[in-house]
Amino acid sequence: MQLHLLSLSEDDRRARFGHSLTDMAVAGWCNRAMQGDSLWWGAWAAYDGGLCAALQLCPTVHEGVWEIGLSVAQPLRRRGLGTALLGDALRHLPQVRQMVCHHGHPAIVRMALRLGCTVQTRENSPGLRLIVSPSEQV
């Protein structure tokens, strides 16, 4: 996970975390994140076995509401990889009723809509709330 996140450009780190992180901050984040109660999905590249996409769902204090974090390596974007990871997670986690994305990345919006979620924006904030349709978890 750490190698995948360290390989992200400054703009990609901003898209993933909501702001740019230094290498040291990414390493610290990885150490803390792996000790928490997040659930993870990943995709590995066949040619070198490296992690090329990662989805993190972290439960919030509100039942059924999870925070989403997603990153896909630059060369593999726009091929449905992020949508596939998110769809797989939703099919296996009926307890996820809503997802929040604090920085509201447009790619997350497209993926959520493709999967039949309802997207709600927050007033005066870039954040999103994604409402999972019950049919998503069939």
N, C-alpha and C. Protein backbone atom coordinates (compact mmCIF):
# COMPACT_ATOMS: atom_id res chain seq x y z
N MET A 1 0.83 -1.19 0.00
CA MET A 1 0.00 0.00 0.00
C MET A 1 0.87 1.25 0.00
N GLN A 2 1.88 1.23 0.85
CA GLN A 2 2.75 2.41 0.95
C GLN A 2 3.43 2.70 -0.38
N LEU A 3 3.94 1.68 -1.05
CA LEU A 3 4.60 1.90 -2.35
C LEU A 3 3.62 2.47 -3.37
N HIS A 4 2.40 1.95 -3.37
CA HIS A 4 1.38 2.46 -4.29
C HIS A 4 1.12 3.94 -4.03
N LEU A 5 0.90 4.30 -2.78
CA LEU A 5 0.58 5.69 -2.44
C LEU A 5 1.77 6.61 -2.66
N LEU A 6 2.97 6.12 -2.41
CA LEU A 6 4.17 6.93 -2.65
C LEU A 6 4.39 7.19 -4.14
N SER A 7 3.88 6.29 -4.98
CA SER A 7 4.06 6.47 -6.42
C SER A 7 3.11 7.51 -7.01
N LEU A 8 2.12 7.95 -6.22
CA LEU A 8 1.16 8.94 -6.71
C LEU A 8 1.83 10.32 -6.81
N SER A 9 1.47 11.05 -7.85
CA SER A 9 1.98 12.41 -8.01
C SER A 9 1.36 13.32 -6.95
N GLU A 10 1.85 14.54 -6.88
CA GLU A 10 1.30 15.50 -5.91
C GLU A 10 -0.20 15.72 -6.16
N ASP A 11 -0.58 15.87 -7.42
CA ASP A 11 -2.00 16.06 -7.75
C ASP A 11 -2.82 14.82 -7.38
N ASP A 12 -2.25 13.64 -7.63
CA ASP A 12 -2.97 12.40 -7.30
C ASP A 12 -3.11 12.23 -5.79
N ARG A 13 -2.10 12.64 -5.04
CA ARG A 13 -2.20 12.57 -3.58
C ARG A 13 -3.28 13.54 -3.09
N ARG A 14 -3.37 14.68 -3.72
CA ARG A 14 -4.41 15.65 -3.36
C ARG A 14 -5.79 15.04 -3.66
N ALA A 15 -5.90 14.35 -4.78
CA ALA A 15 -7.17 13.71 -5.14
C ALA A 15 -7.52 12.59 -4.17
N ARG A 16 -6.54 11.86 -3.71
CA ARG A 16 -6.78 10.73 -2.80
C ARG A 16 -7.07 11.18 -1.37
N PHE A 17 -6.27 12.13 -0.88
CA PHE A 17 -6.36 12.52 0.53
C PHE A 17 -7.06 13.86 0.76
N GLY A 18 -7.35 14.60 -0.29
CA GLY A 18 -7.96 15.91 -0.13
C GLY A 18 -6.94 17.03 -0.03
N HIS A 19 -5.67 16.67 0.11
CA HIS A 19 -4.56 17.62 0.10
C HIS A 19 -3.28 16.84 -0.18
N SER A 20 -2.26 17.53 -0.58
CA SER A 20 -1.00 16.88 -0.92
C SER A 20 -0.27 16.47 0.35
N LEU A 21 0.32 15.31 0.34
CA LEU A 21 1.10 14.82 1.48
C LEU A 21 2.54 14.58 1.05
N THR A 22 3.48 14.86 1.93
CA THR A 22 4.89 14.52 1.67
C THR A 22 5.05 13.01 1.77
N ASP A 23 6.19 12.52 1.29
CA ASP A 23 6.47 11.08 1.41
C ASP A 23 6.42 10.62 2.87
N MET A 24 6.97 11.44 3.75
CA MET A 24 6.99 11.08 5.16
C MET A 24 5.56 11.03 5.74
N ALA A 25 4.72 11.96 5.32
CA ALA A 25 3.33 11.96 5.78
C ALA A 25 2.58 10.75 5.25
N VAL A 26 2.84 10.36 4.00
CA VAL A 26 2.20 9.17 3.43
C VAL A 26 2.62 7.93 4.22
N ALA A 27 3.90 7.80 4.53
CA ALA A 27 4.39 6.65 5.29
C ALA A 27 3.72 6.60 6.66
N GLY A 28 3.62 7.73 7.33
CA GLY A 28 2.96 7.78 8.63
C GLY A 28 1.48 7.43 8.53
N TRP A 29 0.82 7.94 7.49
CA TRP A 29 -0.59 7.64 7.28
C TRP A 29 -0.78 6.14 7.09
N CYS A 30 0.09 5.51 6.29
CA CYS A 30 -0.01 4.06 6.05
C CYS A 30 0.13 3.28 7.34
N ASN A 31 1.07 3.64 8.17
CA ASN A 31 1.26 2.95 9.44
C ASN A 31 0.01 3.04 10.32
N ARG A 32 -0.59 4.21 10.37
CA ARG A 32 -1.80 4.38 11.19
C ARG A 32 -3.00 3.67 10.56
N ALA A 33 -3.14 3.79 9.25
CA ALA A 33 -4.31 3.22 8.55
C ALA A 33 -4.34 1.70 8.64
N MET A 34 -3.20 1.07 8.61
CA MET A 34 -3.16 -0.39 8.64
C MET A 34 -3.48 -0.93 10.04
N GLN A 35 -3.45 -0.08 11.04
CA GLN A 35 -3.76 -0.51 12.40
C GLN A 35 -5.22 -0.25 12.76
N GLY A 36 -5.94 0.45 11.91
CA GLY A 36 -7.33 0.80 12.19
C GLY A 36 -8.29 -0.28 11.76
N ASP A 37 -9.56 0.09 11.68
CA ASP A 37 -10.60 -0.88 11.32
C ASP A 37 -11.13 -0.69 9.91
N SER A 38 -10.30 -0.11 9.05
CA SER A 38 -10.67 0.04 7.64
C SER A 38 -10.73 -1.31 6.96
N LEU A 39 -11.52 -1.37 5.91
CA LEU A 39 -11.55 -2.54 5.04
C LEU A 39 -10.92 -2.13 3.72
N TRP A 40 -10.20 -3.05 3.10
CA TRP A 40 -9.39 -2.73 1.92
C TRP A 40 -9.68 -3.68 0.77
N TRP A 41 -9.63 -3.14 -0.44
CA TRP A 41 -9.68 -3.91 -1.67
C TRP A 41 -8.51 -3.43 -2.52
N GLY A 42 -7.94 -4.32 -3.30
CA GLY A 42 -6.83 -3.91 -4.14
C GLY A 42 -6.81 -4.66 -5.46
N ALA A 43 -6.09 -4.09 -6.40
CA ALA A 43 -5.86 -4.73 -7.69
C ALA A 43 -4.36 -4.70 -7.93
N TRP A 44 -3.83 -5.81 -8.37
CA TRP A 44 -2.39 -5.94 -8.60
C TRP A 44 -2.11 -6.09 -10.08
N ALA A 45 -1.02 -5.48 -10.51
CA ALA A 45 -0.62 -5.55 -11.92
C ALA A 45 -0.03 -6.93 -12.20
N ALA A 46 -0.46 -7.54 -13.29
CA ALA A 46 0.02 -8.87 -13.64
C ALA A 46 1.50 -8.87 -13.98
N TYR A 47 1.98 -7.80 -14.57
CA TYR A 47 3.35 -7.78 -15.07
C TYR A 47 4.40 -7.69 -13.97
N ASP A 48 4.08 -7.08 -12.82
CA ASP A 48 5.10 -6.98 -11.77
C ASP A 48 4.55 -7.29 -10.39
N GLY A 49 3.27 -7.57 -10.30
CA GLY A 49 2.67 -7.91 -9.02
C GLY A 49 2.46 -6.74 -8.09
N GLY A 50 2.77 -5.52 -8.54
CA GLY A 50 2.60 -4.35 -7.69
C GLY A 50 1.14 -3.93 -7.58
N LEU A 51 0.82 -3.33 -6.47
CA LEU A 51 -0.53 -2.81 -6.25
C LEU A 51 -0.75 -1.63 -7.18
N CYS A 52 -1.81 -1.68 -7.98
CA CYS A 52 -2.06 -0.60 -8.94
C CYS A 52 -3.35 0.15 -8.65
N ALA A 53 -4.17 -0.35 -7.73
CA ALA A 53 -5.39 0.35 -7.33
C ALA A 53 -5.75 -0.11 -5.92
N ALA A 54 -6.24 0.83 -5.12
CA ALA A 54 -6.59 0.50 -3.74
C ALA A 54 -7.85 1.26 -3.34
N LEU A 55 -8.76 0.55 -2.70
CA LEU A 55 -9.98 1.12 -2.16
C LEU A 55 -9.97 0.89 -0.66
N GLN A 56 -10.25 1.95 0.09
CA GLN A 56 -10.35 1.88 1.54
C GLN A 56 -11.73 2.35 1.94
N LEU A 57 -12.40 1.56 2.77
CA LEU A 57 -13.65 1.97 3.38
C LEU A 57 -13.44 1.94 4.89
N CYS A 58 -13.70 3.07 5.51
CA CYS A 58 -13.46 3.22 6.94
C CYS A 58 -14.78 3.58 7.62
N PRO A 59 -15.19 2.78 8.62
CA PRO A 59 -16.46 3.11 9.29
C PRO A 59 -16.34 4.43 10.04
N THR A 60 -17.44 5.17 10.06
CA THR A 60 -17.50 6.42 10.83
C THR A 60 -18.26 6.14 12.13
N VAL A 61 -18.48 7.15 12.91
CA VAL A 61 -19.23 6.97 14.16
C VAL A 61 -20.72 6.78 13.91
N HIS A 62 -21.18 7.02 12.68
CA HIS A 62 -22.59 6.86 12.33
C HIS A 62 -22.81 5.50 11.69
N GLU A 63 -23.72 4.73 12.22
CA GLU A 63 -23.99 3.39 11.71
C GLU A 63 -24.35 3.43 10.23
N GLY A 64 -23.70 2.58 9.44
CA GLY A 64 -23.98 2.47 8.02
C GLY A 64 -23.27 3.49 7.15
N VAL A 65 -22.55 4.44 7.77
CA VAL A 65 -21.86 5.49 7.01
C VAL A 65 -20.35 5.21 7.05
N TRP A 66 -19.76 5.13 5.89
CA TRP A 66 -18.34 4.80 5.76
C TRP A 66 -17.64 5.87 4.93
N GLU A 67 -16.41 6.15 5.27
CA GLU A 67 -15.61 7.08 4.48
C GLU A 67 -14.88 6.28 3.40
N ILE A 68 -14.81 6.86 2.21
CA ILE A 68 -14.19 6.18 1.08
C ILE A 68 -12.88 6.87 0.69
N GLY A 69 -11.89 6.06 0.37
CA GLY A 69 -10.63 6.53 -0.20
C GLY A 69 -10.29 5.59 -1.35
N LEU A 70 -9.91 6.13 -2.48
CA LEU A 70 -9.65 5.31 -3.66
C LEU A 70 -8.53 5.93 -4.47
N SER A 71 -7.64 5.08 -4.96
CA SER A 71 -6.58 5.56 -5.86
C SER A 71 -6.31 4.49 -6.91
N VAL A 72 -6.06 4.95 -8.12
CA VAL A 72 -5.72 4.07 -9.24
C VAL A 72 -4.48 4.65 -9.91
N ALA A 73 -3.50 3.80 -10.19
CA ALA A 73 -2.28 4.26 -10.85
C ALA A 73 -2.62 4.92 -12.19
N GLN A 74 -1.93 5.99 -12.50
CA GLN A 74 -2.19 6.81 -13.68
C GLN A 74 -2.38 6.00 -14.97
N PRO A 75 -1.48 5.08 -15.31
CA PRO A 75 -1.64 4.39 -16.61
C PRO A 75 -2.89 3.51 -16.72
N LEU A 76 -3.51 3.21 -15.59
CA LEU A 76 -4.64 2.27 -15.61
C LEU A 76 -5.99 2.95 -15.37
N ARG A 77 -6.02 4.25 -15.37
CA ARG A 77 -7.27 4.97 -15.14
C ARG A 77 -8.18 4.90 -16.36
N ARG A 78 -9.46 5.11 -16.08
CA ARG A 78 -10.50 5.12 -17.13
C ARG A 78 -10.66 3.75 -17.81
N ARG A 79 -10.39 2.70 -17.05
CA ARG A 79 -10.58 1.33 -17.56
C ARG A 79 -11.57 0.54 -16.70
N GLY A 80 -12.19 1.22 -15.74
CA GLY A 80 -13.19 0.56 -14.91
C GLY A 80 -12.65 -0.11 -13.67
N LEU A 81 -11.37 0.05 -13.40
CA LEU A 81 -10.76 -0.62 -12.25
C LEU A 81 -11.32 -0.11 -10.93
N GLY A 82 -11.39 1.20 -10.76
CA GLY A 82 -11.94 1.77 -9.53
C GLY A 82 -13.41 1.41 -9.35
N THR A 83 -14.17 1.44 -10.43
CA THR A 83 -15.58 1.07 -10.37
C THR A 83 -15.74 -0.39 -9.97
N ALA A 84 -14.88 -1.26 -10.51
CA ALA A 84 -14.93 -2.68 -10.17
C ALA A 84 -14.63 -2.91 -8.69
N LEU A 85 -13.61 -2.22 -8.16
CA LEU A 85 -13.29 -2.36 -6.74
C LEU A 85 -14.45 -1.89 -5.87
N LEU A 86 -15.00 -0.73 -6.20
CA LEU A 86 -16.11 -0.18 -5.42
C LEU A 86 -17.34 -1.08 -5.52
N GLY A 87 -17.65 -1.56 -6.71
CA GLY A 87 -18.79 -2.46 -6.88
C GLY A 87 -18.64 -3.74 -6.08
N ASP A 88 -17.43 -4.30 -6.08
CA ASP A 88 -17.16 -5.52 -5.32
C ASP A 88 -17.35 -5.27 -3.83
N ALA A 89 -16.83 -4.15 -3.34
CA ALA A 89 -16.98 -3.82 -1.93
C ALA A 89 -18.45 -3.69 -1.55
N LEU A 90 -19.23 -3.00 -2.36
CA LEU A 90 -20.64 -2.80 -2.05
C LEU A 90 -21.42 -4.11 -2.07
N ARG A 91 -21.06 -5.01 -2.97
CA ARG A 91 -21.74 -6.31 -3.02
C ARG A 91 -21.46 -7.14 -1.78
N HIS A 92 -20.31 -6.96 -1.17
CA HIS A 92 -19.93 -7.79 -0.02
C HIS A 92 -20.16 -7.13 1.34
N LEU A 93 -20.60 -5.88 1.34
CA LEU A 93 -20.79 -5.16 2.61
C LEU A 93 -22.19 -4.56 2.71
N PRO A 94 -23.18 -5.37 3.06
CA PRO A 94 -24.53 -4.82 3.15
C PRO A 94 -24.67 -3.75 4.23
N GLN A 95 -23.72 -3.69 5.15
CA GLN A 95 -23.79 -2.68 6.21
C GLN A 95 -23.44 -1.28 5.70
N VAL A 96 -22.89 -1.16 4.50
CA VAL A 96 -22.58 0.16 3.95
C VAL A 96 -23.84 0.72 3.29
N ARG A 97 -24.41 1.74 3.92
CA ARG A 97 -25.61 2.39 3.38
C ARG A 97 -25.28 3.73 2.74
N GLN A 98 -24.24 4.38 3.27
CA GLN A 98 -23.79 5.67 2.72
C GLN A 98 -22.27 5.71 2.78
N MET A 99 -21.69 6.47 1.86
CA MET A 99 -20.25 6.71 1.86
C MET A 99 -20.04 8.20 1.80
N VAL A 100 -19.02 8.67 2.49
CA VAL A 100 -18.67 10.08 2.42
C VAL A 100 -17.30 10.22 1.79
N CYS A 101 -17.18 11.23 0.97
CA CYS A 101 -15.91 11.57 0.32
C CYS A 101 -15.71 13.06 0.58
N HIS A 102 -14.81 13.38 1.50
CA HIS A 102 -14.68 14.76 1.97
C HIS A 102 -14.18 15.73 0.92
N HIS A 103 -13.43 15.25 -0.05
CA HIS A 103 -12.91 16.17 -1.07
C HIS A 103 -13.70 16.10 -2.38
N GLY A 104 -14.65 15.19 -2.49
CA GLY A 104 -15.58 15.17 -3.62
C GLY A 104 -14.96 15.03 -4.99
N HIS A 105 -14.02 14.14 -5.15
CA HIS A 105 -13.35 13.98 -6.43
C HIS A 105 -14.34 13.56 -7.52
N PRO A 106 -14.27 14.20 -8.70
CA PRO A 106 -15.22 13.89 -9.79
C PRO A 106 -15.21 12.42 -10.22
N ALA A 107 -14.07 11.75 -10.12
CA ALA A 107 -14.02 10.33 -10.50
C ALA A 107 -14.89 9.48 -9.58
N ILE A 108 -14.91 9.82 -8.30
CA ILE A 108 -15.76 9.10 -7.34
C ILE A 108 -17.23 9.30 -7.70
N VAL A 109 -17.57 10.50 -8.11
CA VAL A 109 -18.96 10.80 -8.52
C VAL A 109 -19.33 9.91 -9.70
N ARG A 110 -18.48 9.86 -10.72
CA ARG A 110 -18.78 9.05 -11.91
C ARG A 110 -18.94 7.57 -11.55
N MET A 111 -18.04 7.06 -10.72
CA MET A 111 -18.11 5.65 -10.33
C MET A 111 -19.40 5.36 -9.55
N ALA A 112 -19.71 6.23 -8.59
CA ALA A 112 -20.91 6.03 -7.77
C ALA A 112 -22.18 6.04 -8.63
N LEU A 113 -22.25 6.98 -9.56
CA LEU A 113 -23.42 7.04 -10.44
C LEU A 113 -23.50 5.81 -11.32
N ARG A 114 -22.37 5.35 -11.83
CA ARG A 114 -22.33 4.14 -12.65
C ARG A 114 -22.86 2.94 -11.88
N LEU A 115 -22.63 2.93 -10.57
CA LEU A 115 -23.06 1.81 -9.74
C LEU A 115 -24.46 2.00 -9.17
N GLY A 116 -25.14 3.07 -9.56
CA GLY A 116 -26.52 3.28 -9.13
C GLY A 116 -26.68 3.99 -7.80
N CYS A 117 -25.63 4.57 -7.27
CA CYS A 117 -25.73 5.34 -6.03
C CYS A 117 -26.31 6.72 -6.31
N THR A 118 -26.90 7.31 -5.31
CA THR A 118 -27.35 8.69 -5.38
C THR A 118 -26.24 9.55 -4.80
N VAL A 119 -25.93 10.65 -5.46
CA VAL A 119 -24.85 11.53 -5.01
C VAL A 119 -25.46 12.81 -4.46
N GLN A 120 -25.11 13.13 -3.23
CA GLN A 120 -25.54 14.38 -2.61
C GLN A 120 -24.31 15.24 -2.34
N THR A 121 -24.38 16.49 -2.74
CA THR A 121 -23.28 17.41 -2.45
C THR A 121 -23.61 18.16 -1.17
N ARG A 122 -22.56 18.67 -0.54
CA ARG A 122 -22.74 19.45 0.68
C ARG A 122 -22.58 20.93 0.34
N GLU A 123 -23.46 21.74 0.87
CA GLU A 123 -23.42 23.17 0.60
C GLU A 123 -22.12 23.78 1.13
N ASN A 124 -21.49 24.61 0.29
CA ASN A 124 -20.24 25.30 0.64
C ASN A 124 -19.11 24.34 1.00
N SER A 125 -19.11 23.17 0.41
CA SER A 125 -18.07 22.18 0.69
C SER A 125 -17.85 21.32 -0.55
N PRO A 126 -16.62 20.88 -0.77
CA PRO A 126 -16.40 19.98 -1.91
C PRO A 126 -16.83 18.55 -1.61
N GLY A 127 -17.24 18.27 -0.37
CA GLY A 127 -17.55 16.90 0.03
C GLY A 127 -18.81 16.34 -0.59
N LEU A 128 -18.88 15.01 -0.58
CA LEU A 128 -20.00 14.27 -1.16
C LEU A 128 -20.53 13.26 -0.16
N ARG A 129 -21.80 12.94 -0.31
CA ARG A 129 -22.39 11.81 0.38
C ARG A 129 -22.98 10.93 -0.71
N LEU A 130 -22.60 9.66 -0.69
CA LEU A 130 -23.06 8.71 -1.70
C LEU A 130 -24.04 7.76 -1.01
N ILE A 131 -25.27 7.74 -1.49
CA ILE A 131 -26.31 6.90 -0.91
C ILE A 131 -26.35 5.62 -1.73
N VAL A 132 -26.16 4.51 -1.03
CA VAL A 132 -26.13 3.20 -1.69
C VAL A 132 -27.53 2.67 -1.82
N SER A 133 -27.90 2.32 -3.02
CA SER A 133 -29.22 1.74 -3.28
C SER A 133 -29.21 0.29 -2.79
N PRO A 134 -30.30 -0.19 -2.19
CA PRO A 134 -30.35 -1.58 -1.72
C PRO A 134 -30.05 -2.59 -2.83
N SER A 135 -30.37 -2.26 -4.07
CA SER A 135 -30.11 -3.19 -5.18
C SER A 135 -28.62 -3.35 -5.44
N GLU A 136 -27.81 -2.42 -4.95
CA GLU A 136 -26.37 -2.51 -5.15
C GLU A 136 -25.76 -3.68 -4.43
N GLN A 137 -26.42 -4.15 -3.39
CA GLN A 137 -25.82 -5.19 -2.57
C GLN A 137 -26.44 -6.55 -2.81
N VAL A 138 -27.05 -6.71 -3.95
CA VAL A 138 -27.62 -8.01 -4.33
C VAL A 138 -26.55 -8.83 -5.00
